Amino acid sequence: MRALAFGAALALVPALILSAGTPRSRKHSGGPVKTAGEAKSIAERETGGRAISARRIPLNGASGGWEVDLRMPGEERGWRCIIDSDTHMVHSKARIDQPGAKGKADGTVRMVKGSR
């Protein structure tokens, strides 16, 4: 009986060692989101787009948050995501015109001599 229990314990040891070495599914440290790169990667994972810009904003707490504009290739509109620094999650997201793209009204600007 004792040998059977010892054998079962030995069989479980490799499984415990392998499970201890696997990376966590959530890849964030214990603290708030500190860099624009972290905020951009969170927003990109959530939307599948490409982050164009990120800026710090005040948001419901001491740590604040990040506003990230994302370009969506192949779509008419992009996303603006608000990332909560404390939870590392998207607080809200809204559709916006594609960031970084020229609008339909934007054309080339020409200088005409003699005009004021």
PDB file of N, CA and C in Angstrom:
ATOM      1  N   MET A   1       0.823  -1.190   0.000  1.00  0.00           N
ATOM      2  CA  MET A   1       0.000   0.000   0.000  1.00  0.00           C
ATOM      3  C   MET A   1       0.870   1.258   0.000  1.00  0.00           C
ATOM      4  N   ARG A   2       1.917   1.199   0.819  1.00  0.00           N
ATOM      5  CA  ARG A   2       2.812   2.345   0.915  1.00  0.00           C
ATOM      6  C   ARG A   2       3.565   2.559  -0.401  1.00  0.00           C
ATOM      7  N   ALA A   3       3.947   1.505  -1.054  1.00  0.00           N
ATOM      8  CA  ALA A   3       4.654   1.600  -2.329  1.00  0.00           C
ATOM      9  C   ALA A   3       3.754   2.175  -3.415  1.00  0.00           C
ATOM     10  N   LEU A   4       2.468   1.833  -3.371  1.00  0.00           N
ATOM     11  CA  LEU A   4       1.510   2.355  -4.346  1.00  0.00           C
ATOM     12  C   LEU A   4       1.345   3.870  -4.173  1.00  0.00           C
ATOM     13  N   ALA A   5       1.251   4.334  -2.952  1.00  0.00           N
ATOM     14  CA  ALA A   5       1.126   5.770  -2.682  1.00  0.00           C
ATOM     15  C   ALA A   5       2.394   6.506  -3.104  1.00  0.00           C
ATOM     16  N   PHE A   6       3.547   5.896  -2.838  1.00  0.00           N
ATOM     17  CA  PHE A   6       4.813   6.510  -3.240  1.00  0.00           C
ATOM     18  C   PHE A   6       4.913   6.600  -4.762  1.00  0.00           C
ATOM     19  N   GLY A   7       4.482   5.558  -5.460  1.00  0.00           N
ATOM     20  CA  GLY A   7       4.492   5.547  -6.927  1.00  0.00           C
ATOM     21  C   GLY A   7       3.558   6.605  -7.501  1.00  0.00           C
ATOM     22  N   ALA A   8       2.396   6.778  -6.900  1.00  0.00           N
ATOM     23  CA  ALA A   8       1.448   7.793  -7.363  1.00  0.00           C
ATOM     24  C   ALA A   8       2.023   9.199  -7.156  1.00  0.00           C
ATOM     25  N   ALA A   9       2.697   9.400  -6.036  1.00  0.00           N
ATOM     26  CA  ALA A   9       3.315  10.697  -5.765  1.00  0.00           C
ATOM     27  C   ALA A   9       4.420  10.995  -6.776  1.00  0.00           C
ATOM     28  N   LEU A  10       5.207   9.985  -7.098  1.00  0.00           N
ATOM     29  CA  LEU A  10       6.264  10.168  -8.096  1.00  0.00           C
ATOM     30  C   LEU A  10       5.693  10.474  -9.478  1.00  0.00           C
ATOM     31  N   ALA A  11       4.549   9.915  -9.791  1.00  0.00           N
ATOM     32  CA  ALA A  11       3.914  10.166 -11.090  1.00  0.00           C
ATOM     33  C   ALA A  11       3.409  11.606 -11.189  1.00  0.00           C
ATOM     34  N   LEU A  12       3.029  12.203 -10.076  1.00  0.00           N
ATOM     35  CA  LEU A  12       2.504  13.571 -10.076  1.00  0.00           C
ATOM     36  C   LEU A  12       3.591  14.640 -10.096  1.00  0.00           C
ATOM     37  N   VAL A  13       4.791  14.293  -9.684  1.00  0.00           N
ATOM     38  CA  VAL A  13       5.871  15.281  -9.604  1.00  0.00           C
ATOM     39  C   VAL A  13       6.171  15.927 -10.962  1.00  0.00           C
ATOM     40  N   PRO A  14       6.335  15.184 -12.052  1.00  0.00           N
ATOM     41  CA  PRO A  14       6.600  15.853 -13.343  1.00  0.00           C
ATOM     42  C   PRO A  14       5.473  16.787 -13.764  1.00  0.00           C
ATOM     43  N   ALA A  15       4.235  16.410 -13.502  1.00  0.00           N
ATOM     44  CA  ALA A  15       3.109  17.273 -13.859  1.00  0.00           C
ATOM     45  C   ALA A  15       3.149  18.578 -13.071  1.00  0.00           C
ATOM     46  N   LEU A  16       3.491  18.507 -11.806  1.00  0.00           N
ATOM     47  CA  LEU A  16       3.578  19.717 -10.987  1.00  0.00           C
ATOM     48  C   LEU A  16       4.719  20.619 -11.445  1.00  0.00           C
ATOM     49  N   ILE A  17       5.820  20.020 -11.822  1.00  0.00           N
ATOM     50  CA  ILE A  17       6.965  20.805 -12.288  1.00  0.00           C
ATOM     51  C   ILE A  17       6.634  21.496 -13.604  1.00  0.00           C
ATOM     52  N   LEU A  18       5.986  20.780 -14.517  1.00  0.00           N
ATOM     53  CA  LEU A  18       5.634  21.374 -15.803  1.00  0.00           C
ATOM     54  C   LEU A  18       4.604  22.480 -15.657  1.00  0.00           C
ATOM     55  N   SER A  19       3.631  22.309 -14.792  1.00  0.00           N
ATOM     56  CA  SER A  19       2.612  23.342 -14.629  1.00  0.00           C
ATOM     57  C   SER A  19       3.186  24.583 -13.949  1.00  0.00           C
ATOM     58  N   ALA A  20       4.189  24.433 -13.128  1.00  0.00           N
ATOM     59  CA  ALA A  20       4.811  25.583 -12.473  1.00  0.00           C
ATOM     60  C   ALA A  20       5.608  26.420 -13.456  1.00  0.00           C
ATOM     61  N   GLY A  21       6.096  25.824 -14.525  1.00  0.00           N
ATOM     62  CA  GLY A  21       6.926  26.552 -15.479  1.00  0.00           C
ATOM     63  C   GLY A  21       6.161  27.223 -16.601  1.00  0.00           C
ATOM     64  N   THR A  22       4.846  27.022 -16.695  1.00  0.00           N
ATOM     65  CA  THR A  22       4.086  27.627 -17.792  1.00  0.00           C
ATOM     66  C   THR A  22       3.845  29.098 -17.513  1.00  0.00           C
ATOM     67  N   PRO A  23       3.879  29.942 -18.566  1.00  0.00           N
ATOM     68  CA  PRO A  23       3.641  31.372 -18.359  1.00  0.00           C
ATOM     69  C   PRO A  23       2.168  31.630 -18.051  1.00  0.00           C
ATOM     70  N   ARG A  24       1.924  32.712 -17.391  1.00  0.00           N
ATOM     71  CA  ARG A  24       0.555  33.088 -17.067  1.00  0.00           C
ATOM     72  C   ARG A  24      -0.169  33.542 -18.323  1.00  0.00           C
ATOM     73  N   SER A  25      -1.483  33.403 -18.341  1.00  0.00           N
ATOM     74  CA  SER A  25      -2.261  33.834 -19.488  1.00  0.00           C
ATOM     75  C   SER A  25      -2.342  35.361 -19.545  1.00  0.00           C
ATOM     76  N   ARG A  26      -2.379  36.021 -18.395  1.00  0.00           N
ATOM     77  CA  ARG A  26      -2.382  37.483 -18.361  1.00  0.00           C
ATOM     78  C   ARG A  26      -0.955  37.950 -18.158  1.00  0.00           C
ATOM     79  N   LYS A  27      -0.477  38.778 -19.043  1.00  0.00           N
ATOM     80  CA  LYS A  27       0.911  39.206 -18.985  1.00  0.00           C
ATOM     81  C   LYS A  27       1.021  40.647 -18.489  1.00  0.00           C
ATOM     82  N   HIS A  28       0.668  40.891 -17.262  1.00  0.00           N
ATOM     83  CA  HIS A  28       0.901  42.224 -16.725  1.00  0.00           C
ATOM     84  C   HIS A  28       1.418  42.115 -15.307  1.00  0.00           C
ATOM     85  N   SER A  29       2.196  43.108 -14.978  1.00  0.00           N
ATOM     86  CA  SER A  29       2.753  43.129 -13.629  1.00  0.00           C
ATOM     87  C   SER A  29       1.683  43.599 -12.655  1.00  0.00           C
ATOM     88  N   GLY A  30       2.016  43.641 -11.412  1.00  0.00           N
ATOM     89  CA  GLY A  30       1.052  44.002 -10.392  1.00  0.00           C
ATOM     90  C   GLY A  30       0.674  45.467 -10.389  1.00  0.00           C
ATOM     91  N   GLY A  31       1.505  46.323 -10.964  1.00  0.00           N
ATOM     92  CA  GLY A  31       1.253  47.752 -10.906  1.00  0.00           C
ATOM     93  C   GLY A  31       0.438  48.270 -12.071  1.00  0.00           C
ATOM     94  N   PRO A  32       0.238  49.582 -12.111  1.00  0.00           N
ATOM     95  CA  PRO A  32      -0.552  50.188 -13.186  1.00  0.00           C
ATOM     96  C   PRO A  32       0.201  50.192 -14.524  1.00  0.00           C
ATOM     97  N   VAL A  33      -0.548  50.435 -15.596  1.00  0.00           N
ATOM     98  CA  VAL A  33       0.045  50.570 -16.929  1.00  0.00           C
ATOM     99  C   VAL A  33       0.883  51.843 -16.902  1.00  0.00           C
ATOM    100  N   LYS A  34       2.186  51.736 -17.168  1.00  0.00           N
ATOM    101  CA  LYS A  34       3.088  52.880 -17.025  1.00  0.00           C
ATOM    102  C   LYS A  34       3.532  53.463 -18.351  1.00  0.00           C
ATOM    103  N   THR A  35       3.518  52.688 -19.430  1.00  0.00           N
ATOM    104  CA  THR A  35       4.042  53.193 -20.697  1.00  0.00           C
ATOM    105  C   THR A  35       2.974  53.163 -21.785  1.00  0.00           C
ATOM    106  N   ALA A  36       3.188  54.009 -22.781  1.00  0.00           N
ATOM    107  CA  ALA A  36       2.278  54.048 -23.927  1.00  0.00           C
ATOM    108  C   ALA A  36       2.311  52.724 -24.677  1.00  0.00           C
ATOM    109  N   GLY A  37       3.456  52.074 -24.713  1.00  0.00           N
ATOM    110  CA  GLY A  37       3.576  50.791 -25.404  1.00  0.00           C
ATOM    111  C   GLY A  37       2.693  49.719 -24.786  1.00  0.00           C
ATOM    112  N   GLU A  38       2.635  49.690 -23.454  1.00  0.00           N
ATOM    113  CA  GLU A  38       1.762  48.732 -22.771  1.00  0.00           C
ATOM    114  C   GLU A  38       0.298  48.999 -23.114  1.00  0.00           C
ATOM    115  N   ALA A  39      -0.093  50.283 -23.069  1.00  0.00           N
ATOM    116  CA  ALA A  39      -1.475  50.655 -23.372  1.00  0.00           C
ATOM    117  C   ALA A  39      -1.828  50.304 -24.819  1.00  0.00           C
ATOM    118  N   LYS A  40      -0.892  50.565 -25.735  1.00  0.00           N
ATOM    119  CA  LYS A  40      -1.135  50.245 -27.146  1.00  0.00           C
ATOM    120  C   LYS A  40      -1.326  48.752 -27.356  1.00  0.00           C
ATOM    121  N   SER A  41      -0.503  47.946 -26.707  1.00  0.00           N
ATOM    122  CA  SER A  41      -0.616  46.497 -26.905  1.00  0.00           C
ATOM    123  C   SER A  41      -1.934  45.960 -26.340  1.00  0.00           C
ATOM    124  N   ILE A  42      -2.410  46.515 -25.232  1.00  0.00           N
ATOM    125  CA  ILE A  42      -3.700  46.101 -24.675  1.00  0.00           C
ATOM    126  C   ILE A  42      -4.820  46.436 -25.652  1.00  0.00           C
ATOM    127  N   ALA A  43      -4.801  47.655 -26.204  1.00  0.00           N
ATOM    128  CA  ALA A  43      -5.845  48.078 -27.143  1.00  0.00           C
ATOM    129  C   ALA A  43      -5.787  47.268 -28.444  1.00  0.00           C
ATOM    130  N   GLU A  44      -4.586  46.963 -28.919  1.00  0.00           N
ATOM    131  CA  GLU A  44      -4.446  46.161 -30.142  1.00  0.00           C
ATOM    132  C   GLU A  44      -5.003  44.760 -29.945  1.00  0.00           C
ATOM    133  N   ARG A  45      -4.749  44.159 -28.777  1.00  0.00           N
ATOM    134  CA  ARG A  45      -5.303  42.823 -28.488  1.00  0.00           C
ATOM    135  C   ARG A  45      -6.817  42.852 -28.474  1.00  0.00           C
ATOM    136  N   GLU A  46      -7.393  43.925 -27.935  1.00  0.00           N
ATOM    137  CA  GLU A  46      -8.845  44.024 -27.799  1.00  0.00           C
ATOM    138  C   GLU A  46      -9.544  44.226 -29.144  1.00  0.00           C
ATOM    139  N   THR A  47      -8.954  45.017 -30.030  1.00  0.00           N
ATOM    140  CA  THR A  47      -9.649  45.392 -31.267  1.00  0.00           C
ATOM    141  C   THR A  47      -9.120  44.699 -32.519  1.00  0.00           C
ATOM    142  N   GLY A  48      -7.871  44.281 -32.493  1.00  0.00           N
ATOM    143  CA  GLY A  48      -7.282  43.693 -33.692  1.00  0.00           C
ATOM    144  C   GLY A  48      -6.732  44.737 -34.647  1.00  0.00           C
ATOM    145  N   GLY A  49      -6.710  45.996 -34.229  1.00  0.00           N
ATOM    146  CA  GLY A  49      -6.202  47.080 -35.069  1.00  0.00           C
ATOM    147  C   GLY A  49      -4.751  47.396 -34.769  1.00  0.00           C
ATOM    148  N   ARG A  50      -4.283  48.508 -35.353  1.00  0.00           N
ATOM    149  CA  ARG A  50      -2.908  48.956 -35.154  1.00  0.00           C
ATOM    150  C   ARG A  50      -2.940  50.295 -34.438  1.00  0.00           C
ATOM    151  N   ALA A  51      -2.314  50.374 -33.277  1.00  0.00           N
ATOM    152  CA  ALA A  51      -2.338  51.592 -32.462  1.00  0.00           C
ATOM    153  C   ALA A  51      -1.498  52.683 -33.119  1.00  0.00           C
ATOM    154  N   ILE A  52      -2.083  53.849 -33.230  1.00  0.00           N
ATOM    155  CA  ILE A  52      -1.415  55.009 -33.838  1.00  0.00           C
ATOM    156  C   ILE A  52      -0.857  55.932 -32.764  1.00  0.00           C
ATOM    157  N   SER A  53      -1.642  56.204 -31.737  1.00  0.00           N
ATOM    158  CA  SER A  53      -1.192  57.119 -30.689  1.00  0.00           C
ATOM    159  C   SER A  53      -1.774  56.705 -29.349  1.00  0.00           C
ATOM    160  N   ALA A  54      -1.095  57.131 -28.287  1.00  0.00           N
ATOM    161  CA  ALA A  54      -1.566  56.893 -26.927  1.00  0.00           C
ATOM    162  C   ALA A  54      -1.189  58.093 -26.079  1.00  0.00           C
ATOM    163  N   ARG A  55      -2.125  58.530 -25.233  1.00  0.00           N
ATOM    164  CA  ARG A  55      -1.825  59.645 -24.333  1.00  0.00           C
ATOM    165  C   ARG A  55      -2.482  59.409 -22.992  1.00  0.00           C
ATOM    166  N   ARG A  56      -1.840  59.930 -21.924  1.00  0.00           N
ATOM    167  CA  ARG A  56      -2.348  59.786 -20.559  1.00  0.00           C
ATOM    168  C   ARG A  56      -3.581  60.665 -20.381  1.00  0.00           C
ATOM    169  N   ILE A  57      -4.568  60.142 -19.652  1.00  0.00           N
ATOM    170  CA  ILE A  57      -5.765  60.919 -19.341  1.00  0.00           C
ATOM    171  C   ILE A  57      -6.155  60.660 -17.891  1.00  0.00           C
ATOM    172  N   PRO A  58      -6.854  61.616 -17.264  1.00  0.00           N
ATOM    173  CA  PRO A  58      -7.371  61.353 -15.916  1.00  0.00           C
ATOM    174  C   PRO A  58      -8.560  60.400 -16.019  1.00  0.00           C
ATOM    175  N   LEU A  59      -8.601  59.421 -15.136  1.00  0.00           N
ATOM    176  CA  LEU A  59      -9.681  58.437 -15.172  1.00  0.00           C
ATOM    177  C   LEU A  59      -9.914  57.909 -13.760  1.00  0.00           C
ATOM    178  N   ASN A  60     -11.105  57.910 -13.315  1.00  0.00           N
ATOM    179  CA  ASN A  60     -11.655  57.381 -12.061  1.00  0.00           C
ATOM    180  C   ASN A  60     -10.701  56.846 -11.003  1.00  0.00           C
ATOM    181  N   GLY A  61      -9.587  57.462 -10.803  1.00  0.00           N
ATOM    182  CA  GLY A  61      -8.705  57.011  -9.729  1.00  0.00           C
ATOM    183  C   GLY A  61      -7.361  57.683  -9.799  1.00  0.00           C
ATOM    184  N   ALA A  62      -6.510  57.325  -8.878  1.00  0.00           N
ATOM    185  CA  ALA A  62      -5.201  57.958  -8.779  1.00  0.00           C
ATOM    186  C   ALA A  62      -4.301  57.612  -9.963  1.00  0.00           C
ATOM    187  N   SER A  63      -4.415  56.398 -10.501  1.00  0.00           N
ATOM    188  CA  SER A  63      -3.517  55.978 -11.576  1.00  0.00           C
ATOM    189  C   SER A  63      -3.917  56.523 -12.932  1.00  0.00           C
ATOM    190  N   GLY A  64      -5.181  56.870 -13.111  1.00  0.00           N
ATOM    191  CA  GLY A  64      -5.632  57.416 -14.379  1.00  0.00           C
ATOM    192  C   GLY A  64      -5.767  56.346 -15.442  1.00  0.00           C
ATOM    193  N   GLY A  65      -5.615  56.775 -16.691  1.00  0.00           N
ATOM    194  CA  GLY A  65      -5.769  55.841 -17.798  1.00  0.00           C
ATOM    195  C   GLY A  65      -5.048  56.320 -19.039  1.00  0.00           C
ATOM    196  N   TRP A  66      -5.303  55.640 -20.144  1.00  0.00           N
ATOM    197  CA  TRP A  66      -4.687  55.947 -21.437  1.00  0.00           C
ATOM    198  C   TRP A  66      -5.765  56.005 -22.505  1.00  0.00           C
ATOM    199  N   GLU A  67      -5.654  56.975 -23.402  1.00  0.00           N
ATOM    200  CA  GLU A  67      -6.539  57.064 -24.562  1.00  0.00           C
ATOM    201  C   GLU A  67      -5.718  56.639 -25.776  1.00  0.00           C
ATOM    202  N   VAL A  68      -6.146  55.581 -26.451  1.00  0.00           N
ATOM    203  CA  VAL A  68      -5.391  55.006 -27.569  1.00  0.00           C
ATOM    204  C   VAL A  68      -6.243  55.066 -28.825  1.00  0.00           C
ATOM    205  N   ASP A  69      -5.704  55.649 -29.900  1.00  0.00           N
ATOM    206  CA  ASP A  69      -6.370  55.668 -31.202  1.00  0.00           C
ATOM    207  C   ASP A  69      -5.817  54.533 -32.043  1.00  0.00           C
ATOM    208  N   LEU A  70      -6.732  53.773 -32.653  1.00  0.00           N
ATOM    209  CA  LEU A  70      -6.335  52.603 -33.436  1.00  0.00           C
ATOM    210  C   LEU A  70      -6.835  52.706 -34.862  1.00  0.00           C
ATOM    211  N   ARG A  71      -5.975  52.359 -35.775  1.00  0.00           N
ATOM    212  CA  ARG A  71      -6.306  52.304 -37.192  1.00  0.00           C
ATOM    213  C   ARG A  71      -6.716  50.879 -37.523  1.00  0.00           C
ATOM    214  N   MET A  72      -7.827  50.738 -38.216  1.00  0.00           N
ATOM    215  CA  MET A  72      -8.338  49.427 -38.586  1.00  0.00           C
ATOM    216  C   MET A  72      -8.163  49.233 -40.094  1.00  0.00           C
ATOM    217  N   PRO A  73      -7.151  48.467 -40.512  1.00  0.00           N
ATOM    218  CA  PRO A  73      -6.945  48.237 -41.941  1.00  0.00           C
ATOM    219  C   PRO A  73      -8.139  47.496 -42.541  1.00  0.00           C
ATOM    220  N   GLY A  74      -8.554  47.941 -43.692  1.00  0.00           N
ATOM    221  CA  GLY A  74      -9.663  47.293 -44.384  1.00  0.00           C
ATOM    222  C   GLY A  74     -11.039  47.697 -43.881  1.00  0.00           C
ATOM    223  N   GLU A  75     -11.104  48.620 -42.939  1.00  0.00           N
ATOM    224  CA  GLU A  75     -12.391  49.089 -42.427  1.00  0.00           C
ATOM    225  C   GLU A  75     -12.496  50.595 -42.636  1.00  0.00           C
ATOM    226  N   GLU A  76     -13.726  51.074 -42.631  1.00  0.00           N
ATOM    227  CA  GLU A  76     -13.972  52.490 -42.874  1.00  0.00           C
ATOM    228  C   GLU A  76     -13.622  53.358 -41.665  1.00  0.00           C
ATOM    229  N   ARG A  77     -13.779  52.807 -40.474  1.00  0.00           N
ATOM    230  CA  ARG A  77     -13.557  53.583 -39.259  1.00  0.00           C
ATOM    231  C   ARG A  77     -12.591  52.870 -38.321  1.00  0.00           C
ATOM    232  N   GLY A  78     -11.982  53.651 -37.429  1.00  0.00           N
ATOM    233  CA  GLY A  78     -11.059  53.118 -36.436  1.00  0.00           C
ATOM    234  C   GLY A  78     -11.707  53.099 -35.062  1.00  0.00           C
ATOM    235  N   TRP A  79     -10.903  52.885 -34.033  1.00  0.00           N
ATOM    236  CA  TRP A  79     -11.384  52.838 -32.655  1.00  0.00           C
ATOM    237  C   TRP A  79     -10.597  53.807 -31.782  1.00  0.00           C
ATOM    238  N   ARG A  80     -11.260  54.331 -30.761  1.00  0.00           N
ATOM    239  CA  ARG A  80     -10.597  55.057 -29.681  1.00  0.00           C
ATOM    240  C   ARG A  80     -10.920  54.296 -28.406  1.00  0.00           C
ATOM    241  N   CYS A  81      -9.892  53.744 -27.791  1.00  0.00           N
ATOM    242  CA  CYS A  81     -10.066  52.942 -26.575  1.00  0.00           C
ATOM    243  C   CYS A  81      -9.543  53.705 -25.369  1.00  0.00           C
ATOM    244  N   ILE A  82     -10.249  53.572 -24.271  1.00  0.00           N
ATOM    245  CA  ILE A  82      -9.802  54.102 -22.992  1.00  0.00           C
ATOM    246  C   ILE A  82      -9.359  52.904 -22.158  1.00  0.00           C
ATOM    247  N   ILE A  83      -8.076  52.892 -21.788  1.00  0.00           N
ATOM    248  CA  ILE A  83      -7.497  51.794 -21.016  1.00  0.00           C
ATOM    249  C   ILE A  83      -7.366  52.234 -19.563  1.00  0.00           C
ATOM    250  N   ASP A  84      -7.919  51.451 -18.652  1.00  0.00           N
ATOM    251  CA  ASP A  84      -7.794  51.721 -17.219  1.00  0.00           C
ATOM    252  C   ASP A  84      -6.417  51.241 -16.757  1.00  0.00           C
ATOM    253  N   SER A  85      -5.629  52.133 -16.204  1.00  0.00           N
ATOM    254  CA  SER A  85      -4.273  51.786 -15.777  1.00  0.00           C
ATOM    255  C   SER A  85      -4.247  50.758 -14.657  1.00  0.00           C
ATOM    256  N   ASP A  86      -5.221  50.794 -13.778  1.00  0.00           N
ATOM    257  CA  ASP A  86      -5.221  49.885 -12.632  1.00  0.00           C
ATOM    258  C   ASP A  86      -5.579  48.452 -13.013  1.00  0.00           C
ATOM    259  N   THR A  87      -6.599  48.289 -13.858  1.00  0.00           N
ATOM    260  CA  THR A  87      -7.080  46.948 -14.179  1.00  0.00           C
ATOM    261  C   THR A  87      -6.460  46.361 -15.434  1.00  0.00           C
ATOM    262  N   HIS A  88      -5.735  47.167 -16.214  1.00  0.00           N
ATOM    263  CA  HIS A  88      -5.140  46.725 -17.477  1.00  0.00           C
ATOM    264  C   HIS A  88      -6.210  46.265 -18.458  1.00  0.00           C
ATOM    265  N   MET A  89      -7.402  46.846 -18.378  1.00  0.00           N
ATOM    266  CA  MET A  89      -8.497  46.450 -19.257  1.00  0.00           C
ATOM    267  C   MET A  89      -9.043  47.655 -19.994  1.00  0.00           C
ATOM    268  N   VAL A  90      -9.769  47.383 -21.092  1.00  0.00           N
ATOM    269  CA  VAL A  90     -10.412  48.450 -21.849  1.00  0.00           C
ATOM    270  C   VAL A  90     -11.623  48.927 -21.053  1.00  0.00           C
ATOM    271  N   HIS A  91     -11.606  50.206 -20.702  1.00  0.00           N
ATOM    272  CA  HIS A  91     -12.695  50.814 -19.941  1.00  0.00           C
ATOM    273  C   HIS A  91     -13.863  51.102 -20.874  1.00  0.00           C
ATOM    274  N   SER A  92     -13.556  51.643 -22.057  1.00  0.00           N
ATOM    275  CA  SER A  92     -14.576  51.911 -23.066  1.00  0.00           C
ATOM    276  C   SER A  92     -13.910  52.008 -24.425  1.00  0.00           C
ATOM    277  N   LYS A  93     -14.719  51.866 -25.481  1.00  0.00           N
ATOM    278  CA  LYS A  93     -14.196  52.060 -26.826  1.00  0.00           C
ATOM    279  C   LYS A  93     -15.293  52.651 -27.693  1.00  0.00           C
ATOM    280  N   ALA A  94     -14.867  53.508 -28.626  1.00  0.00           N
ATOM    281  CA  ALA A  94     -15.809  54.197 -29.500  1.00  0.00           C
ATOM    282  C   ALA A  94     -15.242  54.241 -30.912  1.00  0.00           C
ATOM    283  N   ARG A  95     -16.130  54.219 -31.893  1.00  0.00           N
ATOM    284  CA  ARG A  95     -15.713  54.307 -33.288  1.00  0.00           C
ATOM    285  C   ARG A  95     -15.362  55.748 -33.617  1.00  0.00           C
ATOM    286  N   ILE A  96     -14.281  55.926 -34.376  1.00  0.00           N
ATOM    287  CA  ILE A  96     -13.843  57.241 -34.819  1.00  0.00           C
ATOM    288  C   ILE A  96     -13.438  57.147 -36.287  1.00  0.00           C
ATOM    289  N   ASP A  97     -13.237  58.303 -36.933  1.00  0.00           N
ATOM    290  CA  ASP A  97     -12.676  58.293 -38.282  1.00  0.00           C
ATOM    291  C   ASP A  97     -11.279  57.704 -38.207  1.00  0.00           C
ATOM    292  N   GLN A  98     -10.840  57.092 -39.290  1.00  0.00           N
ATOM    293  CA  GLN A  98      -9.518  56.456 -39.299  1.00  0.00           C
ATOM    294  C   GLN A  98      -8.452  57.465 -38.878  1.00  0.00           C
ATOM    295  N   PRO A  99      -7.726  57.207 -37.794  1.00  0.00           N
ATOM    296  CA  PRO A  99      -6.661  58.128 -37.385  1.00  0.00           C
ATOM    297  C   PRO A  99      -5.479  58.042 -38.343  1.00  0.00           C
ATOM    298  N   GLY A 100      -4.868  59.173 -38.585  1.00  0.00           N
ATOM    299  CA  GLY A 100      -3.690  59.210 -39.442  1.00  0.00           C
ATOM    300  C   GLY A 100      -4.003  59.250 -40.919  1.00  0.00           C
ATOM    301  N   ALA A 101      -5.272  59.241 -41.294  1.00  0.00           N
ATOM    302  CA  ALA A 101      -5.653  59.271 -42.710  1.00  0.00           C
ATOM    303  C   ALA A 101      -6.150  60.664 -43.063  1.00  0.00           C
ATOM    304  N   LYS A 102      -5.933  61.060 -44.295  1.00  0.00           N
ATOM    305  CA  LYS A 102      -6.462  62.338 -44.750  1.00  0.00           C
ATOM    306  C   LYS A 102      -7.966  62.202 -44.931  1.00  0.00           C
ATOM    307  N   GLY A 103      -8.683  63.203 -44.468  1.00  0.00           N
ATOM    308  CA  GLY A 103     -10.135  63.196 -44.636  1.00  0.00           C
ATOM    309  C   GLY A 103     -10.507  63.481 -46.077  1.00  0.00           C
ATOM    310  N   LYS A 104     -11.778  63.313 -46.406  1.00  0.00           N
ATOM    311  CA  LYS A 104     -12.234  63.540 -47.777  1.00  0.00           C
ATOM    312  C   LYS A 104     -12.122  65.014 -48.156  1.00  0.00           C
ATOM    313  N   ALA A 105     -12.292  65.901 -47.172  1.00  0.00           N
ATOM    314  CA  ALA A 105     -12.225  67.333 -47.452  1.00  0.00           C
ATOM    315  C   ALA A 105     -10.781  67.824 -47.563  1.00  0.00           C
ATOM    316  N   ASP A 106      -9.845  67.057 -47.060  1.00  0.00           N
ATOM    317  CA  ASP A 106      -8.451  67.469 -47.111  1.00  0.00           C
ATOM    318  C   ASP A 106      -7.894  67.195 -48.500  1.00  0.00           C
ATOM    319  N   GLY A 107      -7.461  68.236 -49.140  1.00  0.00           N
ATOM    320  CA  GLY A 107      -6.834  68.086 -50.443  1.00  0.00           C
ATOM    321  C   GLY A 107      -5.439  68.653 -50.367  1.00  0.00           C
ATOM    322  N   THR A 108      -4.801  68.762 -51.504  1.00  0.00           N
ATOM    323  CA  THR A 108      -3.485  69.373 -51.515  1.00  0.00           C
ATOM    324  C   THR A 108      -3.643  70.877 -51.385  1.00  0.00           C
ATOM    325  N   VAL A 109      -2.694  71.503 -50.746  1.00  0.00           N
ATOM    326  CA  VAL A 109      -2.722  72.947 -50.561  1.00  0.00           C
ATOM    327  C   VAL A 109      -1.754  73.555 -51.567  1.00  0.00           C
ATOM    328  N   ARG A 110      -2.276  74.517 -52.338  1.00  0.00           N
ATOM    329  CA  ARG A 110      -1.425  75.171 -53.335  1.00  0.00           C
ATOM    330  C   ARG A 110      -1.324  76.646 -52.999  1.00  0.00           C
ATOM    331  N   MET A 111      -0.148  77.205 -53.230  1.00  0.00           N
ATOM    332  CA  MET A 111       0.050  78.636 -53.061  1.00  0.00           C
ATOM    333  C   MET A 111      -0.186  79.301 -54.401  1.00  0.00           C
ATOM    334  N   VAL A 112      -1.035  80.309 -54.390  1.00  0.00           N
ATOM    335  CA  VAL A 112      -1.290  81.063 -55.610  1.00  0.00           C
ATOM    336  C   VAL A 112      -0.682  82.440 -55.392  1.00  0.00           C
ATOM    337  N   LYS A 113       0.264  82.785 -56.250  1.00  0.00           N
ATOM    338  CA  LYS A 113       0.949  84.067 -56.079  1.00  0.00           C
ATOM    339  C   LYS A 113      -0.023  85.217 -56.404  1.00  0.00           C
ATOM    340  N   GLY A 114       0.089  86.259 -55.634  1.00  0.00           N
ATOM    341  CA  GLY A 114      -0.732  87.429 -55.849  1.00  0.00           C
ATOM    342  C   GLY A 114      -2.042  87.391 -55.082  1.00  0.00           C
ATOM    343  N   SER A 115      -2.301  86.345 -54.361  1.00  0.00           N
ATOM    344  CA  SER A 115      -3.553  86.303 -53.589  1.00  0.00           C
ATOM    345  C   SER A 115      -3.240  86.627 -52.130  1.00  0.00           C
ATOM    346  N   ARG A 116      -4.256  87.072 -51.442  1.00  0.00           N
ATOM    347  CA  ARG A 116      -4.066  87.411 -50.043  1.00  0.00           C
ATOM    348  C   ARG A 116      -4.727  86.431 -49.177  1.00  0.00           C
TER     349      ARG A 116
END
